[in-house]
Amino acid sequence: MNKPFFSVVVPTYNRANLLGDTIESVLDQTFKDFELLVIDDGSTDETREIVTSFCNSANIRYIYQENKGQGVARNTAIKTATGEWVAFLDSDDLWLPDHLKGHYDLICSSEEKISWIHSGYLFFDDQGKKFPGCGRPLSGDVFPELIKAGNFVSMSTVKIKKCVIENYWFHENPNLPPSEDRELWIRISADYRLHYLPEVTCLMRMHSGKSTLNIERVKVASWIVVESLLQNQLISQRLLPYKKDLVAYHYFYLSIIYYREGMMAKSRLQLFQAISQNPKLAVSPKVIELFLKSLLGKTVSAKLREFNQSLQSLLMNWRYSFLDHTNES
């Protein structure tokens, strides 16, 4: 039996109400040379029944494990995967039909050797409205950017050669989510150049089912990333010029979290901590913007953010509607 080109990895936990749409979006791909691995991380809902309802598709494999966390679930799938490339998809996100085809075409047509890829994406809500993604279209040596400016690589758009990911693996510390992806991307980017596919063929869901923010958990996870990377001897030389940047971003990230939760004084305190680690941040436009917004307060800032999101969504949905009518003509 020939090995598939892609092994699509979908870890899931108690998302039976959304998992079916995710699976369908994979099965509807125009590029068919893939296997789909659904890793059930100890779900107590109807996840198993949802997956088995697609049993007529020969390229789906369902793997159940006791609840051990996302890192263990993804690593289980990587060990099981038979494809040349591993593709990640969260169990509440969707791929448009040409998603895999676009990545396959880039891999085959590129004159440069490709080891891992990410691509464009949009957010969408329960009403189907689309919003711009938060990623940045960066490629090449992205190690400094991931250290200084945080994660811009969406898990659900990443494709990576299996022979590469097998040398890294996801961190299995149960306290690391939601920062486990950035920690891995930094380690991989220390050795491999990242490639970017500008086509937007991934939709990331915004809905009430997303985990409720636990600030203490976020703080712990973010600091685990810092400690884990500082203690990693395999990237110590590469990381040496960026140690202060790594710690500074930790505090800047917490400042953003506190700001979003309306804790303006704590947000500013974290900003000052970030600047103490890296004084150059004092003149950074992003830092200045966050500081001024924290002075405005949560209500004013929220209204400005809501207006901006509504405007962007309106323009984006108008654009897609216009393109749809043009294609029909």
Protein backbone atom coordinates (compact mmCIF):
# COMPACT_ATOMS: atom_id res chain seq x y z
CA MET A 1 0.00 0.00 0.00
CA ASN A 2 1.37 3.38 -1.03
CA LYS A 3 2.02 5.90 1.70
CA PRO A 4 -0.11 9.06 1.52
CA PHE A 5 1.49 12.43 0.84
CA PHE A 6 -0.19 14.12 3.83
CA SER A 7 -1.15 12.80 7.24
CA VAL A 8 -3.83 15.17 8.53
CA VAL A 9 -3.77 15.33 12.34
CA VAL A 10 -6.95 16.41 14.17
CA PRO A 11 -6.70 16.18 17.98
CA THR A 12 -10.03 16.65 19.73
CA TYR A 13 -11.62 16.76 23.15
CA ASN A 14 -15.40 17.03 23.67
CA ARG A 15 -16.13 18.85 20.42
CA ALA A 16 -18.60 16.41 18.91
CA ASN A 17 -20.87 19.30 17.89
CA LEU A 18 -18.15 20.76 15.65
CA LEU A 19 -15.96 17.82 14.70
CA GLY A 20 -18.22 16.62 11.89
CA ASP A 21 -17.85 19.88 9.96
CA THR A 22 -14.07 19.74 10.41
CA ILE A 23 -13.89 16.16 9.11
CA GLU A 24 -16.12 17.01 6.14
CA SER A 25 -13.86 19.93 5.23
CA VAL A 26 -10.94 17.49 5.04
CA LEU A 27 -12.82 14.86 3.06
CA ASP A 28 -13.96 17.55 0.60
CA GLN A 29 -10.37 18.40 -0.38
CA THR A 30 -9.68 18.39 -4.11
CA PHE A 31 -6.26 16.85 -3.35
CA LYS A 32 -7.04 13.31 -2.22
CA ASP A 33 -3.66 11.78 -1.36
CA PHE A 34 -3.99 11.96 2.42
CA GLU A 35 -4.92 10.03 5.54
CA LEU A 36 -6.95 11.60 8.33
CA LEU A 37 -6.00 10.81 11.93
CA VAL A 38 -8.54 11.86 14.56
CA ILE A 39 -6.97 11.65 18.02
CA ASP A 40 -9.65 11.57 20.71
CA ASP A 41 -8.02 12.86 23.90
CA GLY A 42 -10.43 11.15 26.31
CA SER A 43 -13.69 12.77 25.19
CA THR A 44 -16.84 12.04 27.20
CA ASP A 45 -19.33 13.22 24.56
CA GLU A 46 -20.34 11.64 21.22
CA THR A 47 -16.96 12.13 19.56
CA ARG A 48 -16.51 8.43 18.79
CA GLU A 49 -19.95 8.22 17.18
CA ILE A 50 -19.26 11.28 15.03
CA VAL A 51 -16.03 9.82 13.69
CA THR A 52 -17.50 6.35 13.08
CA SER A 53 -20.34 7.96 11.09
CA PHE A 54 -17.68 8.61 8.43
CA CYS A 55 -16.60 4.95 8.42
CA ASN A 56 -17.35 4.65 4.70
CA SER A 57 -14.20 6.71 4.10
CA ALA A 58 -11.22 4.35 4.09
CA ASN A 59 -8.63 7.03 4.81
CA ILE A 60 -9.90 7.94 8.33
CA ARG A 61 -8.33 6.47 11.44
CA TYR A 62 -9.78 7.02 14.91
CA ILE A 63 -7.37 6.79 17.86
CA TYR A 64 -8.60 7.02 21.44
CA GLN A 65 -6.38 7.81 24.40
CA GLU A 66 -6.97 8.75 28.03
CA ASN A 67 -7.00 12.51 28.54
CA LYS A 68 -3.35 13.57 28.49
CA GLY A 69 -3.44 16.96 26.75
CA GLN A 70 -2.92 18.36 23.27
CA GLY A 71 0.83 17.83 23.15
CA VAL A 72 0.54 14.11 23.85
CA ALA A 73 -2.37 13.77 21.42
CA ARG A 74 -0.46 15.38 18.56
CA ASN A 75 2.66 13.35 19.32
CA THR A 76 0.58 10.16 19.30
CA ALA A 77 -0.67 11.09 15.83
CA ILE A 78 2.81 11.90 14.55
CA LYS A 79 4.07 8.49 15.70
CA THR A 80 1.13 6.83 13.94
CA ALA A 81 1.28 8.90 10.74
CA THR A 82 2.44 7.21 7.55
CA GLY A 83 2.46 10.29 5.31
CA GLU A 84 5.52 12.13 4.05
CA TRP A 85 4.12 15.39 5.41
CA VAL A 86 2.13 16.07 8.59
CA ALA A 87 -0.72 18.60 8.40
CA PHE A 88 -2.33 19.97 11.56
CA LEU A 89 -5.97 21.00 11.91
CA ASP A 90 -7.78 21.94 15.11
CA SER A 91 -11.10 20.19 15.59
CA ASP A 92 -13.16 23.40 15.41
CA ASP A 93 -11.51 24.87 12.30
CA LEU A 94 -12.22 24.30 8.60
CA TRP A 95 -10.28 23.98 5.37
CA LEU A 96 -11.60 25.23 2.05
CA PRO A 97 -11.52 22.58 -0.74
CA ASP A 98 -8.20 23.64 -2.31
CA HIS A 99 -6.26 23.93 0.95
CA LEU A 100 -4.13 20.80 0.60
CA LYS A 101 -3.75 21.28 -3.16
CA GLY A 102 -2.24 24.73 -2.64
CA HIS A 103 0.34 23.41 -0.21
CA TYR A 104 1.11 20.41 -2.40
CA ASP A 105 1.64 22.65 -5.45
CA LEU A 106 4.02 24.91 -3.51
CA ILE A 107 6.02 21.95 -2.21
CA CYS A 108 6.36 20.46 -5.70
CA SER A 109 7.04 23.69 -7.59
CA SER A 110 9.47 25.43 -5.24
CA GLU A 111 13.09 25.53 -6.35
CA GLU A 112 14.10 25.85 -2.70
CA LYS A 113 13.94 22.85 -0.40
CA ILE A 114 10.87 23.17 1.83
CA SER A 115 10.68 21.68 5.31
CA TRP A 116 7.64 23.45 6.76
CA ILE A 117 4.91 25.81 5.56
CA HIS A 118 2.19 28.04 6.93
CA SER A 119 -0.48 29.95 5.05
CA GLY A 120 -3.14 32.64 5.27
CA TYR A 121 -6.39 32.26 7.19
CA LEU A 122 -9.54 34.07 8.25
CA PHE A 123 -11.60 34.02 11.41
CA PHE A 124 -15.32 33.34 11.17
CA ASP A 125 -18.12 33.49 13.73
CA ASP A 126 -21.29 31.47 14.29
CA GLN A 127 -23.17 33.72 11.84
CA GLY A 128 -20.62 33.06 9.09
CA LYS A 129 -19.11 36.55 9.17
CA LYS A 130 -15.42 36.62 8.31
CA PHE A 131 -12.70 38.61 10.04
CA PRO A 132 -9.01 39.11 9.16
CA GLY A 133 -6.59 36.62 10.63
CA CYS A 134 -3.82 37.66 13.02
CA GLY A 135 -0.99 35.94 11.18
CA ARG A 136 1.82 37.68 9.34
CA PRO A 137 2.96 36.65 5.85
CA LEU A 138 6.52 35.92 6.88
CA SER A 139 8.90 33.35 5.49
CA GLY A 140 12.60 32.56 5.67
CA ASP A 141 14.49 32.79 8.95
CA VAL A 142 11.62 33.63 11.32
CA PHE A 143 13.42 32.67 14.54
CA PRO A 144 14.03 36.30 15.64
CA GLU A 145 10.42 37.29 14.86
CA LEU A 146 8.93 34.42 16.84
CA ILE A 147 11.14 35.41 19.79
CA LYS A 148 10.51 39.16 19.66
CA ALA A 149 6.94 39.44 18.41
CA GLY A 150 5.17 36.25 19.41
CA ASN A 151 3.38 33.56 17.46
CA PHE A 152 2.07 34.34 13.98
CA VAL A 153 1.96 30.74 12.69
CA SER A 154 -1.53 29.25 12.85
CA MET A 155 -1.56 25.58 13.84
CA SER A 156 -4.35 24.78 11.37
CA THR A 157 -2.29 26.00 8.41
CA VAL A 158 1.00 24.24 9.20
CA LYS A 159 2.45 21.46 7.04
CA ILE A 160 5.78 19.95 8.08
CA LYS A 161 7.83 17.05 6.82
CA LYS A 162 7.48 14.06 9.09
CA CYS A 163 11.23 13.46 9.13
CA VAL A 164 11.61 17.00 10.52
CA ILE A 165 8.89 16.97 13.18
CA GLU A 166 10.18 13.61 14.45
CA ASN A 167 13.31 15.41 15.65
CA TYR A 168 11.36 17.94 17.74
CA TRP A 169 7.93 16.78 18.97
CA PHE A 170 5.41 18.83 20.93
CA HIS A 171 6.22 19.62 24.55
CA GLU A 172 4.00 17.38 26.69
CA ASN A 173 3.90 19.55 29.83
CA PRO A 174 0.15 19.72 30.67
CA ASN A 175 0.57 23.32 31.85
CA LEU A 176 1.97 24.56 28.54
CA PRO A 177 -1.24 25.13 26.52
CA PRO A 178 -2.07 27.59 25.01
CA SER A 179 1.61 28.29 24.25
CA GLU A 180 2.74 24.85 23.08
CA ASP A 181 2.69 25.76 19.39
CA ARG A 182 4.95 28.84 19.71
CA GLU A 183 7.44 26.85 21.80
CA LEU A 184 7.69 24.23 19.05
CA TRP A 185 7.83 26.73 16.18
CA ILE A 186 10.76 28.52 17.85
CA ARG A 187 12.74 25.29 18.19
CA ILE A 188 12.07 24.29 14.57
CA SER A 189 12.81 27.77 13.21
CA ALA A 190 16.23 27.68 14.85
CA ASP A 191 17.20 25.10 12.22
CA TYR A 192 14.74 25.38 9.32
CA ARG A 193 13.48 28.22 7.16
CA LEU A 194 9.71 28.69 7.09
CA HIS A 195 7.77 29.10 3.84
CA TYR A 196 4.54 31.04 3.40
CA LEU A 197 1.61 30.35 1.10
CA PRO A 198 -0.49 33.54 0.71
CA GLU A 199 -3.68 31.77 -0.36
CA VAL A 200 -6.39 32.01 2.29
CA THR A 201 -7.90 28.52 2.46
CA CYS A 202 -8.28 28.04 6.23
CA LEU A 203 -11.13 29.30 8.42
CA MET A 204 -10.57 29.55 12.17
CA ARG A 205 -13.71 29.54 14.26
CA MET A 206 -14.64 32.25 16.76
CA HIS A 207 -17.35 30.95 19.06
CA SER A 208 -18.50 30.54 22.64
CA GLY A 209 -16.97 27.07 22.78
CA LYS A 210 -13.45 28.46 22.95
CA SER A 211 -11.81 27.97 26.33
CA THR A 212 -12.57 30.65 28.92
CA LEU A 213 -9.42 32.65 29.51
CA ASN A 214 -7.58 31.74 32.69
CA ILE A 215 -5.01 34.48 33.21
CA GLU A 216 -2.97 32.53 35.74
CA ARG A 217 -2.77 29.59 33.36
CA VAL A 218 -1.68 31.88 30.53
CA LYS A 219 1.03 33.41 32.74
CA VAL A 220 2.34 29.99 33.75
CA ALA A 221 2.31 28.68 30.17
CA SER A 222 4.09 31.74 28.83
CA TRP A 223 6.82 31.48 31.45
CA ILE A 224 7.24 27.75 30.82
CA VAL A 225 8.06 28.66 27.21
CA VAL A 226 10.72 31.09 28.41
CA GLU A 227 12.29 28.60 30.82
CA SER A 228 12.09 25.68 28.40
CA LEU A 229 13.86 27.59 25.64
CA LEU A 230 16.51 29.10 27.93
CA GLN A 231 17.35 25.61 29.20
CA ASN A 232 17.41 24.00 25.74
CA GLN A 233 21.06 23.32 24.91
CA LEU A 234 20.25 22.50 21.28
CA ILE A 235 19.33 26.13 20.53
CA SER A 236 21.45 27.88 23.16
CA GLN A 237 23.87 29.46 20.68
CA ARG A 238 21.08 30.60 18.39
CA LEU A 239 19.14 32.04 21.31
CA LEU A 240 22.08 33.83 22.93
CA PRO A 241 21.53 37.26 21.25
CA TYR A 242 17.76 37.13 21.92
CA LYS A 243 17.49 36.13 25.60
CA LYS A 244 16.33 39.57 26.73
CA ASP A 245 13.89 39.75 23.81
CA LEU A 246 12.41 36.39 24.86
CA VAL A 247 11.77 37.55 28.42
CA ALA A 248 10.57 40.99 27.28
CA TYR A 249 7.95 39.47 25.01
CA HIS A 250 6.65 37.38 27.92
CA TYR A 251 5.78 40.58 29.78
CA PHE A 252 4.45 42.32 26.66
CA TYR A 253 2.18 39.34 25.98
CA LEU A 254 0.85 39.47 29.55
CA SER A 255 0.24 43.19 29.10
CA ILE A 256 -1.97 42.41 26.11
CA ILE A 257 -3.86 39.76 28.12
CA TYR A 258 -4.49 42.10 31.04
CA TYR A 259 -5.60 44.84 28.65
CA ARG A 260 -8.12 42.54 26.97
CA GLU A 261 -9.49 41.59 30.37
CA GLY A 262 -9.90 45.25 31.35
CA MET A 263 -7.11 45.25 33.95
CA MET A 264 -5.47 48.44 32.72
CA ALA A 265 -3.15 49.13 35.65
CA LYS A 266 -1.78 45.58 35.52
CA SER A 267 -1.42 45.91 31.76
CA ARG A 268 0.76 49.00 32.16
CA LEU A 269 2.81 47.31 34.90
CA GLN A 270 3.63 44.43 32.54
CA LEU A 271 4.59 46.97 29.85
CA PHE A 272 7.08 48.56 32.23
CA GLN A 273 8.47 45.09 33.00
CA ALA A 274 8.93 44.45 29.27
CA ILE A 275 10.72 47.77 28.81
CA SER A 276 13.00 47.01 31.75
CA GLN A 277 14.12 43.88 29.90
CA ASN A 278 14.45 45.64 26.55
CA PRO A 279 14.59 49.47 26.75
CA LYS A 280 14.18 49.73 22.96
CA LEU A 281 10.53 48.78 23.45
CA ALA A 282 9.91 52.24 24.95
CA VAL A 283 9.79 53.66 21.42
CA SER A 284 8.01 50.71 19.85
CA PRO A 285 4.74 51.79 18.13
CA LYS A 286 2.97 48.67 19.45
CA VAL A 287 4.02 49.37 23.03
CA ILE A 288 3.06 53.04 22.80
CA GLU A 289 -0.31 52.13 21.27
CA LEU A 290 -1.06 49.60 24.00
CA PHE A 291 -0.05 52.07 26.71
CA LEU A 292 -2.32 54.81 25.32
CA LYS A 293 -5.23 52.40 24.88
CA SER A 294 -4.84 51.28 28.48
CA LEU A 295 -5.19 54.92 29.55
CA LEU A 296 -8.43 55.24 27.57
CA GLY A 297 -9.97 52.43 29.55
CA LYS A 298 -11.79 49.24 28.66
CA THR A 299 -15.10 50.76 27.51
CA VAL A 300 -13.67 53.26 25.03
CA SER A 301 -11.06 50.80 23.75
CA ALA A 302 -13.68 48.06 23.35
CA LYS A 303 -15.94 50.34 21.31
CA LEU A 304 -13.05 51.35 19.07
CA ARG A 305 -12.05 47.71 18.62
CA GLU A 306 -15.64 46.68 17.91
CA PHE A 307 -16.02 49.43 15.33
CA ASN A 308 -12.76 48.46 13.64
CA GLN A 309 -13.69 44.76 13.55
CA SER A 310 -17.15 45.52 12.18
CA LEU A 311 -15.70 47.73 9.47
CA GLN A 312 -13.10 45.15 8.47
CA SER A 313 -15.73 42.38 8.46
CA LEU A 314 -18.08 44.48 6.34
CA LEU A 315 -15.38 45.25 3.77
CA MET A 316 -14.16 41.65 3.72
CA ASN A 317 -17.61 40.10 3.30
CA TRP A 318 -18.46 42.66 0.62
CA ARG A 319 -15.25 41.71 -1.20
CA TYR A 320 -16.05 37.98 -1.10
CA SER A 321 -19.63 38.64 -2.18
CA PHE A 322 -18.39 40.72 -5.10
CA LEU A 323 -15.95 37.99 -6.14
CA ASP A 324 -18.70 35.36 -5.95
CA HIS A 325 -20.97 37.43 -8.23
CA THR A 326 -18.07 38.06 -10.62
CA ASN A 327 -17.31 34.32 -10.84
CA GLU A 328 -20.97 33.55 -11.48
CA SER A 329 -21.00 36.02 -14.35
